[in-house]
Amino acid sequence: MILFKNSNERSYYYKINIYPTLFGDFLIQKEYGATQNSKPTNTIKEYVNSKKEALCLLLDIVIDKKSLGYLKTA
């Protein structure tokens, strides 16, 4: 899922991905930065035990980011 935000004549993005691992848990990878930059500002990785936990965490992150002005585009 990718969220975008326009601020001070710049565009920012926040990308969240969920990946299953070989050990049965799930990796949530969060990446953010300015769209003008070729590389992300930061990438954060977090592991959870189940798909349900991963989806709940994803929804919590999206709600937090939407309150900061990020919007999902089609």
PDB file of N, CA and C in Angstrom:
ATOM      1  N   MET A   1       0.851  -1.151   0.000  1.00  0.00           N
ATOM      2  CA  MET A   1       0.000   0.000   0.000  1.00  0.00           C
ATOM      3  C   MET A   1       0.904   1.224   0.000  1.00  0.00           C
ATOM      4  N   ILE A   2       0.571   2.189  -0.839  1.00  0.00           N
ATOM      5  CA  ILE A   2       1.359   3.408  -0.936  1.00  0.00           C
ATOM      6  C   ILE A   2       0.466   4.601  -0.633  1.00  0.00           C
ATOM      7  N   LEU A   3       0.931   5.455   0.275  1.00  0.00           N
ATOM      8  CA  LEU A   3       0.233   6.673   0.636  1.00  0.00           C
ATOM      9  C   LEU A   3       1.073   7.866   0.178  1.00  0.00           C
ATOM     10  N   PHE A   4       0.407   8.937  -0.262  1.00  0.00           N
ATOM     11  CA  PHE A   4       1.107  10.127  -0.735  1.00  0.00           C
ATOM     12  C   PHE A   4       0.659  11.353   0.038  1.00  0.00           C
ATOM     13  N   LYS A   5       1.567  12.339   0.109  1.00  0.00           N
ATOM     14  CA  LYS A   5       1.273  13.599   0.797  1.00  0.00           C
ATOM     15  C   LYS A   5       1.973  14.724   0.050  1.00  0.00           C
ATOM     16  N   ASN A   6       1.263  15.818  -0.209  1.00  0.00           N
ATOM     17  CA  ASN A   6       1.859  17.002  -0.820  1.00  0.00           C
ATOM     18  C   ASN A   6       1.966  18.079   0.245  1.00  0.00           C
ATOM     19  N   SER A   7       3.179  18.655   0.371  1.00  0.00           N
ATOM     20  CA  SER A   7       3.424  19.655   1.396  1.00  0.00           C
ATOM     21  C   SER A   7       4.605  20.519   0.977  1.00  0.00           C
ATOM     22  N   ASN A   8       4.456  21.825   1.104  1.00  0.00           N
ATOM     23  CA  ASN A   8       5.541  22.762   0.803  1.00  0.00           C
ATOM     24  C   ASN A   8       6.160  22.513  -0.567  1.00  0.00           C
ATOM     25  N   GLU A   9       5.313  22.345  -1.580  1.00  0.00           N
ATOM     26  CA  GLU A   9       5.748  22.125  -2.966  1.00  0.00           C
ATOM     27  C   GLU A   9       6.563  20.845  -3.149  1.00  0.00           C
ATOM     28  N   ARG A  10       6.471  19.911  -2.221  1.00  0.00           N
ATOM     29  CA  ARG A  10       7.148  18.616  -2.327  1.00  0.00           C
ATOM     30  C   ARG A  10       6.130  17.516  -2.152  1.00  0.00           C
ATOM     31  N   SER A  11       6.442  16.367  -2.712  1.00  0.00           N
ATOM     32  CA  SER A  11       5.577  15.189  -2.569  1.00  0.00           C
ATOM     33  C   SER A  11       6.319  14.131  -1.767  1.00  0.00           C
ATOM     34  N   TYR A  12       5.616  13.546  -0.829  1.00  0.00           N
ATOM     35  CA  TYR A  12       6.182  12.498   0.015  1.00  0.00           C
ATOM     36  C   TYR A  12       5.363  11.223  -0.145  1.00  0.00           C
ATOM     37  N   TYR A  13       6.005  10.093   0.108  1.00  0.00           N
ATOM     38  CA  TYR A  13       5.302   8.811   0.041  1.00  0.00           C
ATOM     39  C   TYR A  13       5.617   7.990   1.280  1.00  0.00           C
ATOM     40  N   TYR A  14       4.718   7.076   1.598  1.00  0.00           N
ATOM     41  CA  TYR A  14       4.887   6.113   2.685  1.00  0.00           C
ATOM     42  C   TYR A  14       4.382   4.786   2.151  1.00  0.00           C
ATOM     43  N   LYS A  15       5.266   3.818   2.001  1.00  0.00           N
ATOM     44  CA  LYS A  15       4.919   2.528   1.407  1.00  0.00           C
ATOM     45  C   LYS A  15       5.011   1.441   2.469  1.00  0.00           C
ATOM     46  N   ILE A  16       3.977   0.603   2.529  1.00  0.00           N
ATOM     47  CA  ILE A  16       3.917  -0.482   3.507  1.00  0.00           C
ATOM     48  C   ILE A  16       3.672  -1.790   2.764  1.00  0.00           C
ATOM     49  N   ASN A  17       4.535  -2.771   2.990  1.00  0.00           N
ATOM     50  CA  ASN A  17       4.392  -4.085   2.369  1.00  0.00           C
ATOM     51  C   ASN A  17       4.395  -5.166   3.448  1.00  0.00           C
ATOM     52  N   ILE A  18       3.647  -6.249   3.188  1.00  0.00           N
ATOM     53  CA  ILE A  18       3.636  -7.417   4.076  1.00  0.00           C
ATOM     54  C   ILE A  18       4.128  -8.616   3.271  1.00  0.00           C
ATOM     55  N   TYR A  19       5.127  -9.308   3.823  1.00  0.00           N
ATOM     56  CA  TYR A  19       5.693 -10.479   3.158  1.00  0.00           C
ATOM     57  C   TYR A  19       5.677 -11.670   4.103  1.00  0.00           C
ATOM     58  N   PRO A  20       5.268 -12.854   3.649  1.00  0.00           N
ATOM     59  CA  PRO A  20       5.430 -14.062   4.473  1.00  0.00           C
ATOM     60  C   PRO A  20       6.899 -14.492   4.438  1.00  0.00           C
ATOM     61  N   THR A  21       7.400 -15.002   5.546  1.00  0.00           N
ATOM     62  CA  THR A  21       8.787 -15.472   5.595  1.00  0.00           C
ATOM     63  C   THR A  21       8.816 -16.996   5.532  1.00  0.00           C
ATOM     64  N   LEU A  22       9.988 -17.536   5.409  1.00  0.00           N
ATOM     65  CA  LEU A  22      10.146 -18.989   5.348  1.00  0.00           C
ATOM     66  C   LEU A  22       9.892 -19.668   6.693  1.00  0.00           C
ATOM     67  N   PHE A  23       9.875 -18.887   7.767  1.00  0.00           N
ATOM     68  CA  PHE A  23       9.719 -19.452   9.100  1.00  0.00           C
ATOM     69  C   PHE A  23       8.292 -19.367   9.629  1.00  0.00           C
ATOM     70  N   GLY A  24       7.338 -18.969   8.778  1.00  0.00           N
ATOM     71  CA  GLY A  24       5.944 -18.941   9.166  1.00  0.00           C
ATOM     72  C   GLY A  24       5.468 -17.620   9.750  1.00  0.00           C
ATOM     73  N   ASP A  25       6.363 -16.667   9.951  1.00  0.00           N
ATOM     74  CA  ASP A  25       5.922 -15.367  10.434  1.00  0.00           C
ATOM     75  C   ASP A  25       5.835 -14.388   9.260  1.00  0.00           C
ATOM     76  N   PHE A  26       5.551 -13.132   9.541  1.00  0.00           N
ATOM     77  CA  PHE A  26       5.355 -12.144   8.486  1.00  0.00           C
ATOM     78  C   PHE A  26       6.244 -10.933   8.726  1.00  0.00           C
ATOM     79  N   LEU A  27       6.762 -10.396   7.639  1.00  0.00           N
ATOM     80  CA  LEU A  27       7.597  -9.203   7.669  1.00  0.00           C
ATOM     81  C   LEU A  27       6.766  -8.022   7.200  1.00  0.00           C
ATOM     82  N   ILE A  28       6.767  -6.958   7.993  1.00  0.00           N
ATOM     83  CA  ILE A  28       6.143  -5.700   7.585  1.00  0.00           C
ATOM     84  C   ILE A  28       7.289  -4.739   7.290  1.00  0.00           C
ATOM     85  N   GLN A  29       7.344  -4.274   6.051  1.00  0.00           N
ATOM     86  CA  GLN A  29       8.400  -3.357   5.628  1.00  0.00           C
ATOM     87  C   GLN A  29       7.782  -1.993   5.347  1.00  0.00           C
ATOM     88  N   LYS A  30       8.281  -0.976   6.068  1.00  0.00           N
ATOM     89  CA  LYS A  30       7.792   0.392   5.902  1.00  0.00           C
ATOM     90  C   LYS A  30       8.914   1.210   5.266  1.00  0.00           C
ATOM     91  N   GLU A  31       8.576   1.931   4.225  1.00  0.00           N
ATOM     92  CA  GLU A  31       9.560   2.728   3.496  1.00  0.00           C
ATOM     93  C   GLU A  31       8.952   4.103   3.250  1.00  0.00           C
ATOM     94  N   TYR A  32       9.747   5.153   3.475  1.00  0.00           N
ATOM     95  CA  TYR A  32       9.210   6.487   3.253  1.00  0.00           C
ATOM     96  C   TYR A  32      10.294   7.426   2.746  1.00  0.00           C
ATOM     97  N   GLY A  33       9.838   8.529   2.136  1.00  0.00           N
ATOM     98  CA  GLY A  33      10.764   9.522   1.620  1.00  0.00           C
ATOM     99  C   GLY A  33      10.060  10.484   0.691  1.00  0.00           C
ATOM    100  N   ALA A  34      10.858  11.316   0.029  1.00  0.00           N
ATOM    101  CA  ALA A  34      10.329  12.261  -0.952  1.00  0.00           C
ATOM    102  C   ALA A  34      10.322  11.593  -2.322  1.00  0.00           C
ATOM    103  N   THR A  35       9.290  11.880  -3.105  1.00  0.00           N
ATOM    104  CA  THR A  35       9.194  11.261  -4.428  1.00  0.00           C
ATOM    105  C   THR A  35      10.288  11.764  -5.360  1.00  0.00           C
ATOM    106  N   GLN A  36      10.876  12.934  -5.086  1.00  0.00           N
ATOM    107  CA  GLN A  36      11.929  13.481  -5.939  1.00  0.00           C
ATOM    108  C   GLN A  36      13.262  12.758  -5.748  1.00  0.00           C
ATOM    109  N   ASN A  37      13.439  12.093  -4.612  1.00  0.00           N
ATOM    110  CA  ASN A  37      14.690  11.386  -4.326  1.00  0.00           C
ATOM    111  C   ASN A  37      14.692  10.005  -4.977  1.00  0.00           C
ATOM    112  N   SER A  38      15.873   9.570  -5.386  1.00  0.00           N
ATOM    113  CA  SER A  38      15.972   8.250  -6.016  1.00  0.00           C
ATOM    114  C   SER A  38      15.953   7.110  -4.994  1.00  0.00           C
ATOM    115  N   LYS A  39      16.349   7.392  -3.746  1.00  0.00           N
ATOM    116  CA  LYS A  39      16.361   6.377  -2.690  1.00  0.00           C
ATOM    117  C   LYS A  39      15.426   6.808  -1.564  1.00  0.00           C
ATOM    118  N   PRO A  40      14.868   5.842  -0.820  1.00  0.00           N
ATOM    119  CA  PRO A  40      13.998   6.210   0.304  1.00  0.00           C
ATOM    120  C   PRO A  40      14.804   6.852   1.438  1.00  0.00           C
ATOM    121  N   THR A  41      14.132   7.669   2.223  1.00  0.00           N
ATOM    122  CA  THR A  41      14.765   8.283   3.391  1.00  0.00           C
ATOM    123  C   THR A  41      15.100   7.208   4.424  1.00  0.00           C
ATOM    124  N   ASN A  42      14.178   6.271   4.628  1.00  0.00           N
ATOM    125  CA  ASN A  42      14.399   5.215   5.619  1.00  0.00           C
ATOM    126  C   ASN A  42      13.530   4.008   5.282  1.00  0.00           C
ATOM    127  N   THR A  43      14.008   2.836   5.692  1.00  0.00           N
ATOM    128  CA  THR A  43      13.261   1.588   5.570  1.00  0.00           C
ATOM    129  C   THR A  43      13.265   0.916   6.939  1.00  0.00           C
ATOM    130  N   ILE A  44      12.073   0.562   7.409  1.00  0.00           N
ATOM    131  CA  ILE A  44      11.929  -0.060   8.730  1.00  0.00           C
ATOM    132  C   ILE A  44      11.316  -1.445   8.531  1.00  0.00           C
ATOM    133  N   LYS A  45      11.910  -2.453   9.168  1.00  0.00           N
ATOM    134  CA  LYS A  45      11.410  -3.823   9.075  1.00  0.00           C
ATOM    135  C   LYS A  45      10.951  -4.278  10.453  1.00  0.00           C
ATOM    136  N   GLU A  46       9.801  -4.950  10.466  1.00  0.00           N
ATOM    137  CA  GLU A  46       9.238  -5.449  11.718  1.00  0.00           C
ATOM    138  C   GLU A  46       8.608  -6.808  11.454  1.00  0.00           C
ATOM    139  N   TYR A  47       8.813  -7.751  12.368  1.00  0.00           N
ATOM    140  CA  TYR A  47       8.269  -9.100  12.219  1.00  0.00           C
ATOM    141  C   TYR A  47       7.111  -9.300  13.187  1.00  0.00           C
ATOM    142  N   VAL A  48       6.081 -10.012  12.705  1.00  0.00           N
ATOM    143  CA  VAL A  48       4.945 -10.392  13.551  1.00  0.00           C
ATOM    144  C   VAL A  48       4.663 -11.873  13.344  1.00  0.00           C
ATOM    145  N   ASN A  49       3.935 -12.463  14.271  1.00  0.00           N
ATOM    146  CA  ASN A  49       3.737 -13.908  14.264  1.00  0.00           C
ATOM    147  C   ASN A  49       2.657 -14.414  13.317  1.00  0.00           C
ATOM    148  N   SER A  50       1.648 -13.594  13.047  1.00  0.00           N
ATOM    149  CA  SER A  50       0.542 -14.083  12.236  1.00  0.00           C
ATOM    150  C   SER A  50       0.111 -13.050  11.202  1.00  0.00           C
ATOM    151  N   LYS A  51      -0.644 -13.520  10.222  1.00  0.00           N
ATOM    152  CA  LYS A  51      -1.152 -12.623   9.183  1.00  0.00           C
ATOM    153  C   LYS A  51      -2.149 -11.636   9.778  1.00  0.00           C
ATOM    154  N   LYS A  52      -2.930 -12.098  10.747  1.00  0.00           N
ATOM    155  CA  LYS A  52      -3.904 -11.229  11.396  1.00  0.00           C
ATOM    156  C   LYS A  52      -3.209 -10.073  12.109  1.00  0.00           C
ATOM    157  N   GLU A  53      -2.116 -10.355  12.820  1.00  0.00           N
ATOM    158  CA  GLU A  53      -1.340  -9.306  13.479  1.00  0.00           C
ATOM    159  C   GLU A  53      -0.768  -8.322  12.455  1.00  0.00           C
ATOM    160  N   ALA A  54      -0.288  -8.859  11.337  1.00  0.00           N
ATOM    161  CA  ALA A  54       0.297  -8.018  10.294  1.00  0.00           C
ATOM    162  C   ALA A  54      -0.745  -7.073   9.711  1.00  0.00           C
ATOM    163  N   LEU A  55      -1.939  -7.577   9.440  1.00  0.00           N
ATOM    164  CA  LEU A  55      -2.999  -6.740   8.884  1.00  0.00           C
ATOM    165  C   LEU A  55      -3.481  -5.697   9.885  1.00  0.00           C
ATOM    166  N   CYS A  56      -3.565  -6.063  11.153  1.00  0.00           N
ATOM    167  CA  CYS A  56      -3.962  -5.094  12.182  1.00  0.00           C
ATOM    168  C   CYS A  56      -2.928  -3.985  12.311  1.00  0.00           C
ATOM    169  N   LEU A  57      -1.661  -4.344  12.281  1.00  0.00           N
ATOM    170  CA  LEU A  57      -0.594  -3.349  12.350  1.00  0.00           C
ATOM    171  C   LEU A  57      -0.616  -2.448  11.118  1.00  0.00           C
ATOM    172  N   LEU A  58      -0.859  -3.029   9.953  1.00  0.00           N
ATOM    173  CA  LEU A  58      -0.962  -2.256   8.723  1.00  0.00           C
ATOM    174  C   LEU A  58      -2.085  -1.227   8.830  1.00  0.00           C
ATOM    175  N   LEU A  59      -3.244  -1.645   9.312  1.00  0.00           N
ATOM    176  CA  LEU A  59      -4.370  -0.722   9.464  1.00  0.00           C
ATOM    177  C   LEU A  59      -4.063   0.382  10.468  1.00  0.00           C
ATOM    178  N   ASP A  60      -3.391   0.054  11.571  1.00  0.00           N
ATOM    179  CA  ASP A  60      -3.005   1.067  12.556  1.00  0.00           C
ATOM    180  C   ASP A  60      -2.068   2.106  11.942  1.00  0.00           C
ATOM    181  N   ILE A  61      -1.103   1.643  11.148  1.00  0.00           N
ATOM    182  CA  ILE A  61      -0.153   2.544  10.504  1.00  0.00           C
ATOM    183  C   ILE A  61      -0.872   3.457   9.517  1.00  0.00           C
ATOM    184  N   VAL A  62      -1.768   2.884   8.720  1.00  0.00           N
ATOM    185  CA  VAL A  62      -2.497   3.674   7.721  1.00  0.00           C
ATOM    186  C   VAL A  62      -3.358   4.738   8.402  1.00  0.00           C
ATOM    187  N   ILE A  63      -4.029   4.387   9.483  1.00  0.00           N
ATOM    188  CA  ILE A  63      -4.857   5.357  10.206  1.00  0.00           C
ATOM    189  C   ILE A  63      -3.989   6.491  10.757  1.00  0.00           C
ATOM    190  N   ASP A  64      -2.830   6.149  11.328  1.00  0.00           N
ATOM    191  CA  ASP A  64      -1.916   7.174  11.840  1.00  0.00           C
ATOM    192  C   ASP A  64      -1.424   8.098  10.723  1.00  0.00           C
ATOM    193  N   LYS A  65      -1.071   7.530   9.594  1.00  0.00           N
ATOM    194  CA  LYS A  65      -0.538   8.331   8.488  1.00  0.00           C
ATOM    195  C   LYS A  65      -1.628   9.184   7.838  1.00  0.00           C
ATOM    196  N   LYS A  66      -2.848   8.667   7.776  1.00  0.00           N
ATOM    197  CA  LYS A  66      -3.941   9.473   7.211  1.00  0.00           C
ATOM    198  C   LYS A  66      -4.218  10.689   8.085  1.00  0.00           C
ATOM    199  N   SER A  67      -4.048  10.548   9.397  1.00  0.00           N
ATOM    200  CA  SER A  67      -4.243  11.696  10.281  1.00  0.00           C
ATOM    201  C   SER A  67      -3.142  12.748  10.099  1.00  0.00           C
ATOM    202  N   LEU A  68      -2.000  12.349   9.516  1.00  0.00           N
ATOM    203  CA  LEU A  68      -0.911  13.282   9.222  1.00  0.00           C
ATOM    204  C   LEU A  68      -1.013  13.872   7.824  1.00  0.00           C
ATOM    205  N   GLY A  69      -2.055  13.502   7.074  1.00  0.00           N
ATOM    206  CA  GLY A  69      -2.261  14.104   5.773  1.00  0.00           C
ATOM    207  C   GLY A  69      -1.942  13.208   4.586  1.00  0.00           C
ATOM    208  N   TYR A  70      -1.531  11.981   4.822  1.00  0.00           N
ATOM    209  CA  TYR A  70      -1.252  11.057   3.711  1.00  0.00           C
ATOM    210  C   TYR A  70      -2.560  10.507   3.170  1.00  0.00           C
ATOM    211  N   LEU A  71      -2.621  10.356   1.850  1.00  0.00           N
ATOM    212  CA  LEU A  71      -3.817   9.828   1.184  1.00  0.00           C
ATOM    213  C   LEU A  71      -3.453   8.689   0.252  1.00  0.00           C
ATOM    214  N   LYS A  72      -4.332   7.717   0.133  1.00  0.00           N
ATOM    215  CA  LYS A  72      -4.129   6.611  -0.799  1.00  0.00           C
ATOM    216  C   LYS A  72      -4.693   7.019  -2.149  1.00  0.00           C
ATOM    217  N   THR A  73      -3.916   6.787  -3.205  1.00  0.00           N
ATOM    218  CA  THR A  73      -4.396   7.078  -4.562  1.00  0.00           C
ATOM    219  C   THR A  73      -4.669   5.774  -5.275  1.00  0.00           C
ATOM    220  N   ALA A  74      -5.521   5.836  -6.244  1.00  0.00           N
ATOM    221  CA  ALA A  74      -5.912   4.633  -6.983  1.00  0.00           C
ATOM    222  C   ALA A  74      -4.870   4.167  -7.936  1.00  0.00           C
TER     223      ALA A  74
END
